[in-house]
Amino acid sequence: MDQNADSLSGTDMAVLDVLRLGISVASALSAVHKAGLVHRDIKPPNLIESTSGYKLIDFGIALAGSPKRPEPTRDASVVIG
């Protein structure tokens, strides 16, 4: 099932699938923010579908630290979701 959300472009999605996608993304962003990170690159290619929902990937330009002094991360291999 590991498909990129970008592959859904131009297709009709059922309401429940749209809700599942939205809940997965919101849950991942909540976890990211609780960990003190800001992803900064949310887009379909950075969402991968798995059996448990969508996963947020590619934290290459994410910021960590306090809002006044963010520091870029260097780990693009992080998966949250």
C-alpha atoms as a PDB file:
ATOM      1  CA  MET A   1       0.000   0.000   0.000  1.00  0.00           C
ATOM      2  CA  ASP A   2       2.967   2.379   0.418  1.00  0.00           C
ATOM      3  CA  GLN A   3       1.816   5.015  -2.031  1.00  0.00           C
ATOM      4  CA  ASN A   4       2.633   8.668  -2.111  1.00  0.00           C
ATOM      5  CA  ALA A   5      -0.301  11.082  -1.617  1.00  0.00           C
ATOM      6  CA  ASP A   6       0.856  12.874  -4.779  1.00  0.00           C
ATOM      7  CA  SER A   7      -0.411   9.893  -6.776  1.00  0.00           C
ATOM      8  CA  LEU A   8      -3.948  10.827  -5.684  1.00  0.00           C
ATOM      9  CA  SER A   9      -3.790  14.097  -7.590  1.00  0.00           C
ATOM     10  CA  GLY A  10      -6.692  14.446 -10.001  1.00  0.00           C
ATOM     11  CA  THR A  11      -8.594  11.487  -8.556  1.00  0.00           C
ATOM     12  CA  ASP A  12     -11.887  11.497  -6.690  1.00  0.00           C
ATOM     13  CA  MET A  13     -11.602  10.368  -3.088  1.00  0.00           C
ATOM     14  CA  ALA A  14     -14.410   9.051  -0.929  1.00  0.00           C
ATOM     15  CA  VAL A  15     -15.341  11.244   2.027  1.00  0.00           C
ATOM     16  CA  LEU A  16     -14.053   8.681   4.529  1.00  0.00           C
ATOM     17  CA  ASP A  17     -10.700   8.514   2.722  1.00  0.00           C
ATOM     18  CA  VAL A  18     -10.389  12.312   2.809  1.00  0.00           C
ATOM     19  CA  LEU A  19     -11.181  12.280   6.533  1.00  0.00           C
ATOM     20  CA  ARG A  20      -8.626   9.513   7.140  1.00  0.00           C
ATOM     21  CA  LEU A  21      -5.985  11.539   5.282  1.00  0.00           C
ATOM     22  CA  GLY A  22      -6.820  14.713   7.216  1.00  0.00           C
ATOM     23  CA  ILE A  23      -6.780  12.971  10.584  1.00  0.00           C
ATOM     24  CA  SER A  24      -3.452  11.270   9.787  1.00  0.00           C
ATOM     25  CA  VAL A  25      -1.823  14.557   8.758  1.00  0.00           C
ATOM     26  CA  ALA A  26      -3.242  16.437  11.765  1.00  0.00           C
ATOM     27  CA  SER A  27      -2.046  13.702  14.146  1.00  0.00           C
ATOM     28  CA  ALA A  28       1.433  13.698  12.605  1.00  0.00           C
ATOM     29  CA  LEU A  29       1.688  17.496  12.789  1.00  0.00           C
ATOM     30  CA  SER A  30       0.555  17.440  16.410  1.00  0.00           C
ATOM     31  CA  ALA A  31       3.314  14.943  17.264  1.00  0.00           C
ATOM     32  CA  VAL A  32       5.882  16.982  15.328  1.00  0.00           C
ATOM     33  CA  HIS A  33       4.939  20.205  17.094  1.00  0.00           C
ATOM     34  CA  LYS A  34       4.930  18.528  20.529  1.00  0.00           C
ATOM     35  CA  ALA A  35       8.481  17.382  19.755  1.00  0.00           C
ATOM     36  CA  GLY A  36       9.475  21.008  19.136  1.00  0.00           C
ATOM     37  CA  LEU A  37       9.746  20.760  15.348  1.00  0.00           C
ATOM     38  CA  VAL A  38       8.165  22.659  12.466  1.00  0.00           C
ATOM     39  CA  HIS A  39       8.065  20.588   9.251  1.00  0.00           C
ATOM     40  CA  ARG A  40       7.908  23.546   6.784  1.00  0.00           C
ATOM     41  CA  ASP A  41       7.323  21.399   3.688  1.00  0.00           C
ATOM     42  CA  ILE A  42       3.869  19.799   3.859  1.00  0.00           C
ATOM     43  CA  LYS A  43       2.942  18.641   0.356  1.00  0.00           C
ATOM     44  CA  PRO A  44       1.588  15.440  -1.218  1.00  0.00           C
ATOM     45  CA  PRO A  45       5.017  13.913  -2.023  1.00  0.00           C
ATOM     46  CA  ASN A  46       5.874  14.108   1.705  1.00  0.00           C
ATOM     47  CA  LEU A  47       2.850  12.024   2.715  1.00  0.00           C
ATOM     48  CA  ILE A  48       3.160   8.260   2.289  1.00  0.00           C
ATOM     49  CA  GLU A  49       0.171   5.941   2.700  1.00  0.00           C
ATOM     50  CA  SER A  50       0.657   2.876   4.873  1.00  0.00           C
ATOM     51  CA  THR A  51      -1.668   0.286   6.339  1.00  0.00           C
ATOM     52  CA  SER A  52      -2.148   2.478   9.428  1.00  0.00           C
ATOM     53  CA  GLY A  53      -2.787   5.759   7.582  1.00  0.00           C
ATOM     54  CA  TYR A  54      -0.565   8.417   6.070  1.00  0.00           C
ATOM     55  CA  LYS A  55       2.968   9.072   7.328  1.00  0.00           C
ATOM     56  CA  LEU A  56       4.719  12.440   7.218  1.00  0.00           C
ATOM     57  CA  ILE A  57       8.249  12.157   5.805  1.00  0.00           C
ATOM     58  CA  ASP A  58      11.153  14.359   4.685  1.00  0.00           C
ATOM     59  CA  PHE A  59      12.159  16.649   7.515  1.00  0.00           C
ATOM     60  CA  GLY A  60      15.063  18.065   5.495  1.00  0.00           C
ATOM     61  CA  ILE A  61      14.083  21.717   6.028  1.00  0.00           C
ATOM     62  CA  ALA A  62      12.330  21.291   9.376  1.00  0.00           C
ATOM     63  CA  LEU A  63      13.162  23.682  12.182  1.00  0.00           C
ATOM     64  CA  ALA A  64      13.849  22.743  15.789  1.00  0.00           C
ATOM     65  CA  GLY A  65      14.366  24.835  18.883  1.00  0.00           C
ATOM     66  CA  SER A  66      12.576  27.861  20.255  1.00  0.00           C
ATOM     67  CA  PRO A  67      10.453  29.977  17.888  1.00  0.00           C
ATOM     68  CA  LYS A  68      12.899  32.883  18.311  1.00  0.00           C
ATOM     69  CA  ARG A  69      15.990  30.806  17.543  1.00  0.00           C
ATOM     70  CA  PRO A  70      15.038  27.904  15.263  1.00  0.00           C
ATOM     71  CA  GLU A  71      17.737  25.559  14.035  1.00  0.00           C
ATOM     72  CA  PRO A  72      17.382  23.509  10.835  1.00  0.00           C
ATOM     73  CA  THR A  73      17.361  19.734  11.221  1.00  0.00           C
ATOM     74  CA  ARG A  74      19.589  17.572   9.061  1.00  0.00           C
ATOM     75  CA  ASP A  75      17.643  14.307   9.222  1.00  0.00           C
ATOM     76  CA  ALA A  76      15.451  13.712   6.155  1.00  0.00           C
ATOM     77  CA  SER A  77      14.856  10.086   7.181  1.00  0.00           C
ATOM     78  CA  VAL A  78      12.437  10.854  10.047  1.00  0.00           C
ATOM     79  CA  VAL A  79       8.919   9.397   9.692  1.00  0.00           C
ATOM     80  CA  ILE A  80       6.083  10.532  11.960  1.00  0.00           C
ATOM     81  CA  GLY A  81       2.487   9.393  11.885  1.00  0.00           C
END
